[in-house]
N, C-alpha and C. Protein backbone atom coordinates (compact mmCIF):
# COMPACT_ATOMS: atom_id res chain seq x y z
N MET A 1 132.60 98.01 99.94
CA MET A 1 132.38 98.91 99.21
C MET A 1 131.06 98.82 98.61
N PHE A 2 130.44 97.67 98.33
CA PHE A 2 129.21 97.52 97.69
C PHE A 2 127.98 97.98 98.59
N LYS A 3 128.32 97.60 99.88
CA LYS A 3 127.26 97.74 100.93
C LYS A 3 127.19 99.35 101.28
N THR A 4 128.30 100.03 101.27
CA THR A 4 128.34 101.48 101.58
C THR A 4 127.72 102.27 100.59
N LYS A 5 127.85 101.85 99.13
CA LYS A 5 126.95 102.56 98.12
C LYS A 5 125.63 102.38 98.32
N ILE A 6 125.22 101.04 98.59
CA ILE A 6 123.76 100.90 98.91
C ILE A 6 123.17 101.82 100.03
N LEU A 7 124.07 101.78 101.13
CA LEU A 7 123.47 102.54 102.35
C LEU A 7 123.38 103.93 101.93
N TRP A 8 124.49 104.53 101.34
CA TRP A 8 124.44 106.00 101.06
C TRP A 8 123.39 106.30 100.08
N ALA A 9 123.13 105.26 99.06
CA ALA A 9 122.01 105.53 98.17
C ALA A 9 120.59 105.54 98.82
N LEU A 10 120.54 104.75 99.89
CA LEU A 10 119.20 104.65 100.70
C LEU A 10 119.19 106.15 101.35
N VAL A 11 120.10 106.51 102.00
CA VAL A 11 120.01 107.72 102.83
C VAL A 11 119.79 108.79 101.86
N LEU A 12 120.60 108.84 100.71
CA LEU A 12 120.25 110.04 99.91
C LEU A 12 118.87 109.98 99.35
N GLY A 13 118.49 108.87 98.98
CA GLY A 13 117.07 108.63 98.32
C GLY A 13 116.01 109.11 99.36
N VAL A 14 116.24 108.75 100.57
CA VAL A 14 115.04 109.14 101.57
C VAL A 14 115.23 110.71 101.77
N VAL A 15 116.53 111.09 101.91
CA VAL A 15 116.67 112.65 102.11
C VAL A 15 115.90 113.33 100.78
N THR A 16 116.14 113.01 99.76
CA THR A 16 115.58 113.43 98.46
C THR A 16 114.02 113.54 98.65
N SER A 17 113.42 112.33 98.79
CA SER A 17 112.27 112.11 98.96
C SER A 17 111.45 113.12 99.99
N ALA A 18 112.16 113.23 101.19
CA ALA A 18 111.62 114.00 102.15
C ALA A 18 111.77 115.61 101.89
N LEU A 19 112.85 115.82 101.05
CA LEU A 19 112.99 117.40 100.67
C LEU A 19 111.89 117.58 99.68
N LEU A 20 111.59 116.62 98.71
CA LEU A 20 110.53 116.97 97.76
C LEU A 20 109.21 117.02 98.43
N ARG A 21 108.95 116.31 99.51
CA ARG A 21 107.67 116.36 100.14
C ARG A 21 107.49 117.64 101.05
N GLU A 22 108.56 117.99 101.47
CA GLU A 22 108.50 119.51 102.23
C GLU A 22 108.54 120.50 101.12
N ALA A 23 109.15 120.55 99.97
CA ALA A 23 109.14 121.67 98.83
C ALA A 23 107.65 121.58 98.17
N LYS A 24 106.87 120.57 98.31
CA LYS A 24 105.61 120.50 97.82
C LYS A 24 104.66 121.22 98.78
N ILE A 25 104.89 121.09 99.99
CA ILE A 25 104.07 121.75 100.94
C ILE A 25 104.47 123.37 101.02
N ASN A 26 105.88 123.65 101.07
CA ASN A 26 106.17 125.10 101.33
C ASN A 26 106.34 125.96 100.08
N LEU A 27 106.54 125.30 98.92
CA LEU A 27 106.49 126.09 97.72
C LEU A 27 105.13 125.85 96.91
N ALA A 28 103.95 125.59 97.44
CA ALA A 28 102.97 125.48 96.73
C ALA A 28 102.51 126.83 96.17
N TYR A 29 102.66 127.91 96.79
CA TYR A 29 102.09 129.20 96.24
C TYR A 29 103.02 130.08 95.51
N SER A 30 104.04 129.40 95.11
CA SER A 30 104.94 130.30 94.25
C SER A 30 104.86 129.69 92.97
N PRO A 31 104.55 130.37 91.88
CA PRO A 31 104.17 129.89 90.57
C PRO A 31 105.45 129.18 89.93
N LEU A 32 106.60 129.88 90.15
CA LEU A 32 107.79 129.42 89.51
C LEU A 32 108.33 128.27 90.36
N TRP A 33 108.47 128.38 91.52
CA TRP A 33 109.20 127.22 92.40
C TRP A 33 108.18 125.98 92.45
N SER A 34 106.96 126.11 92.11
CA SER A 34 106.07 124.86 92.41
C SER A 34 106.34 123.95 91.21
N ARG A 35 106.92 124.29 90.30
CA ARG A 35 107.20 123.47 89.19
C ARG A 35 108.23 122.49 89.43
N ILE A 36 109.28 122.93 90.18
CA ILE A 36 110.27 122.01 90.50
C ILE A 36 109.91 120.63 91.18
N PRO A 37 108.98 120.49 92.28
CA PRO A 37 108.68 119.33 92.84
C PRO A 37 107.76 118.74 91.97
N HIS A 38 106.90 119.35 91.20
CA HIS A 38 105.90 118.74 90.21
C HIS A 38 106.68 117.89 89.02
N VAL A 39 107.79 118.44 88.70
CA VAL A 39 108.73 117.80 87.73
C VAL A 39 109.55 116.54 88.35
N LEU A 40 109.93 116.80 89.41
CA LEU A 40 110.66 115.59 90.29
C LEU A 40 109.95 114.62 90.72
N THR A 41 108.57 114.94 91.05
CA THR A 41 107.85 113.78 91.52
C THR A 41 106.89 113.29 90.32
N ALA A 42 107.23 113.46 88.99
CA ALA A 42 106.45 113.03 87.97
C ALA A 42 106.52 111.59 87.64
N PRO A 43 107.74 110.86 87.86
CA PRO A 43 107.73 109.36 87.71
C PRO A 43 106.58 108.55 88.70
N GLY A 44 106.58 108.91 89.86
CA GLY A 44 105.61 108.30 90.73
C GLY A 44 104.09 108.71 90.24
N THR A 45 103.81 109.85 89.94
CA THR A 45 102.53 110.26 89.55
C THR A 45 102.19 109.60 88.14
N ARG A 46 103.14 109.42 87.16
CA ARG A 46 102.84 108.64 86.03
C ARG A 46 102.59 107.32 86.09
N PHE A 47 103.32 106.52 87.03
CA PHE A 47 103.20 105.30 87.48
C PHE A 47 101.80 104.96 87.92
N VAL A 48 101.30 105.89 88.92
CA VAL A 48 99.97 105.76 89.57
C VAL A 48 98.96 105.82 88.56
N ALA A 49 99.20 106.97 87.68
CA ALA A 49 98.08 107.17 86.68
C ALA A 49 97.95 106.04 85.61
N ALA A 50 99.01 105.35 85.39
CA ALA A 50 99.00 104.05 84.52
C ALA A 50 98.31 102.95 85.15
N ILE A 51 98.56 102.77 86.55
CA ILE A 51 97.82 101.71 87.07
C ILE A 51 96.28 102.00 87.54
N ASN A 52 96.02 103.15 88.16
CA ASN A 52 94.72 103.51 88.60
C ASN A 52 93.73 103.93 87.51
N MET A 53 93.32 102.95 86.86
CA MET A 53 92.41 103.18 85.70
C MET A 53 91.04 103.22 86.53
N PRO A 54 90.12 104.04 85.58
CA PRO A 54 88.74 104.17 86.18
C PRO A 54 87.88 102.93 85.98
N GLY A 55 87.29 102.43 87.08
CA GLY A 55 86.57 101.36 87.46
C GLY A 55 87.43 100.20 87.91
N THR A 56 88.37 100.51 88.48
CA THR A 56 89.30 99.56 89.26
C THR A 56 88.91 99.57 90.63
N LEU A 57 89.30 98.34 91.41
CA LEU A 57 88.87 98.15 92.64
C LEU A 57 89.34 99.26 93.75
N MET A 58 90.52 99.92 93.67
CA MET A 58 91.14 100.77 94.46
C MET A 58 91.00 102.09 93.83
N GLU A 59 89.98 102.63 93.03
CA GLU A 59 90.08 103.70 92.23
C GLU A 59 89.63 104.94 93.41
N GLY A 60 88.93 104.84 94.45
CA GLY A 60 88.60 106.01 95.23
C GLY A 60 89.77 106.21 96.40
N SER A 61 90.78 105.27 96.61
CA SER A 61 91.59 105.51 98.00
C SER A 61 92.68 106.25 97.41
N THR A 62 92.59 107.48 97.93
CA THR A 62 93.80 108.54 97.49
C THR A 62 95.01 108.28 98.38
N ARG A 63 94.79 108.11 99.60
CA ARG A 63 95.96 107.63 100.56
C ARG A 63 96.72 106.61 99.93
N PHE A 64 96.23 105.50 99.53
CA PHE A 64 96.97 104.48 99.07
C PHE A 64 97.71 104.78 97.65
N TRP A 65 97.13 105.51 96.87
CA TRP A 65 97.81 105.79 95.75
C TRP A 65 98.90 106.98 95.98
N ALA A 66 98.64 107.76 96.99
CA ALA A 66 99.61 108.74 97.29
C ALA A 66 100.84 107.91 97.78
N GLY A 67 100.67 106.89 98.55
CA GLY A 67 101.69 106.23 99.13
C GLY A 67 102.42 105.34 98.04
N VAL A 68 101.77 104.84 97.21
CA VAL A 68 102.34 104.21 96.08
C VAL A 68 103.14 105.16 95.23
N ALA A 69 102.80 106.28 94.83
CA ALA A 69 103.47 107.47 94.14
C ALA A 69 104.83 107.68 95.06
N PHE A 70 104.61 107.97 96.29
CA PHE A 70 105.83 108.33 97.15
C PHE A 70 106.82 107.10 97.17
N THR A 71 106.46 105.88 97.34
CA THR A 71 107.36 104.66 97.34
C THR A 71 107.92 104.55 96.02
N CYS A 72 107.25 104.83 94.84
CA CYS A 72 107.75 104.75 93.46
C CYS A 72 108.97 105.87 93.18
N ASN A 73 108.69 106.84 93.66
CA ASN A 73 109.65 108.17 93.75
C ASN A 73 110.85 107.85 94.52
N LEU A 74 110.65 107.20 95.67
CA LEU A 74 111.73 106.75 96.66
C LEU A 74 112.57 105.88 95.96
N LEU A 75 112.12 104.88 95.44
CA LEU A 75 113.00 103.87 94.36
C LEU A 75 113.53 104.25 93.48
N ILE A 76 112.95 105.26 92.73
CA ILE A 76 113.50 105.74 91.58
C ILE A 76 115.01 106.62 92.01
N TYR A 77 114.66 107.56 93.22
CA TYR A 77 115.81 108.32 93.59
C TYR A 77 116.95 107.40 94.50
N ILE A 78 116.45 106.29 94.86
CA ILE A 78 117.43 105.31 95.34
C ILE A 78 118.22 104.86 94.20
N LEU A 79 117.85 104.44 93.28
CA LEU A 79 118.40 103.95 92.05
C LEU A 79 119.40 104.85 91.47
N PHE A 80 118.75 106.16 91.30
CA PHE A 80 119.48 107.39 90.76
C PHE A 80 120.74 107.66 91.65
N TRP A 81 120.71 107.56 92.88
CA TRP A 81 121.83 107.94 93.79
C TRP A 81 122.91 106.85 93.69
N TYR A 82 122.23 105.60 93.58
CA TYR A 82 123.17 104.52 93.38
C TYR A 82 124.06 104.42 92.11
N GLY A 83 123.28 104.57 91.15
CA GLY A 83 124.08 104.90 89.86
C GLY A 83 124.98 106.03 89.72
N LEU A 84 124.69 107.18 90.45
CA LEU A 84 125.62 108.19 90.61
C LEU A 84 126.81 108.05 91.40
N LEU A 85 126.64 107.39 92.35
CA LEU A 85 127.66 106.83 93.44
C LEU A 85 128.62 105.85 92.79
N ARG A 86 128.03 104.89 91.92
CA ARG A 86 128.77 103.95 91.19
C ARG A 86 129.59 104.55 90.20
N MET A 87 129.07 105.49 89.46
CA MET A 87 129.77 106.07 88.30
C MET A 87 130.94 107.06 88.98
N ILE A 88 130.70 107.65 90.08
CA ILE A 88 131.78 108.38 90.65
C ILE A 88 132.81 107.60 91.07
N GLY A 89 132.41 106.41 91.78
CA GLY A 89 133.67 105.47 92.28
C GLY A 89 134.33 104.97 90.89
N TYR A 90 133.53 104.57 90.02
CA TYR A 90 134.32 104.12 88.64
C TYR A 90 135.26 105.23 88.12
N LEU A 91 134.78 106.42 87.96
CA LEU A 91 135.75 107.53 87.51
C LEU A 91 136.89 107.67 88.41
N ARG A 92 136.75 107.67 89.79
CA ARG A 92 137.91 107.98 90.61
C ARG A 92 138.80 106.62 90.56
N GLY A 93 138.26 105.50 90.32
CA GLY A 93 139.24 104.53 90.24
C GLY A 93 139.99 104.44 88.82
N ARG A 94 139.36 105.11 87.86
CA ARG A 94 140.05 105.28 86.49
C ARG A 94 141.11 106.34 86.51
N ARG A 95 141.04 107.19 87.46
CA ARG A 95 141.86 108.27 87.46
C ARG A 95 143.28 107.97 87.62
N ASN A 96 143.66 106.99 88.36
CA ASN A 96 145.13 106.34 88.41
C ASN A 96 144.90 104.86 88.54
N PRO A 97 144.57 104.13 87.50
CA PRO A 97 144.48 102.69 87.45
C PRO A 97 145.46 101.80 88.10
N TYR A 98 146.76 102.44 88.17
CA TYR A 98 147.96 101.44 88.45
C TYR A 98 148.24 101.48 89.98
N ASP A 99 147.59 102.25 90.71
CA ASP A 99 147.71 102.24 92.39
C ASP A 99 147.29 101.00 93.07
N ARG A 100 146.22 100.33 92.18
CA ARG A 100 145.63 99.14 93.01
C ARG A 100 146.32 97.78 92.57
N GLN A 101 146.95 97.87 91.47
CA GLN A 101 147.35 96.59 90.87
C GLN A 101 148.72 96.65 90.30
N ASP A 102 149.56 95.51 90.43
CA ASP A 102 150.75 95.55 89.79
C ASP A 102 150.78 95.55 88.21
N THR A 103 151.76 96.20 87.51
CA THR A 103 151.93 96.19 86.19
C THR A 103 152.93 95.22 85.79
N LEU A 104 152.85 94.75 84.64
CA LEU A 104 153.95 93.92 83.98
C LEU A 104 155.06 94.64 83.73
N VAL A 105 155.08 95.92 83.36
CA VAL A 105 156.21 96.49 82.78
C VAL A 105 156.76 97.31 84.06
N PRO A 106 157.93 97.19 84.29
CA PRO A 106 158.64 97.82 85.36
C PRO A 106 158.75 99.34 85.25
N PRO A 107 158.71 100.18 86.38
CA PRO A 107 158.77 101.75 86.06
C PRO A 107 160.01 102.15 85.40
N ILE A 108 160.00 103.12 84.73
CA ILE A 108 161.22 103.72 84.14
C ILE A 108 161.81 104.56 85.00
N THR A 109 163.19 104.41 85.31
CA THR A 109 163.79 105.36 86.24
C THR A 109 164.84 105.99 85.35
N ARG A 110 164.85 107.45 85.44
CA ARG A 110 165.68 108.11 84.53
C ARG A 110 166.28 109.18 85.42
C-alpha cells in the first residue's frame, strides 16, 4: 500500500505540474484565469526568489532558475498528493475499524 501511494502521488504531481505549465501558456491573455497558475506556482517562484539574490554566480541563467522553480513546484505537489492520499486512506480505514482486526468482545446476537 505504501508504494502505491507514492506511485499515485508521483503520477498526480507530474500531471498537476504539466497542467499548470499548459495553463500558464494557454491562459496568459485572460486577466481572471491567469491568476490561477500564478497562485499555484507561487511556492517555486518564492523559493527561487529567495535563493537567486543579485550578485550571485547564477544570477543571469533564467533557464536554470525556471527549472529549479518547476522542480520545486513538482516536489510540493507530489507531497500534497501523497498527504491527501494518505489522509483519504486513513479516513477510509476509520470508517469501519473492526473489519481488519479481531475484537476482544464477541458480537451481540439478539
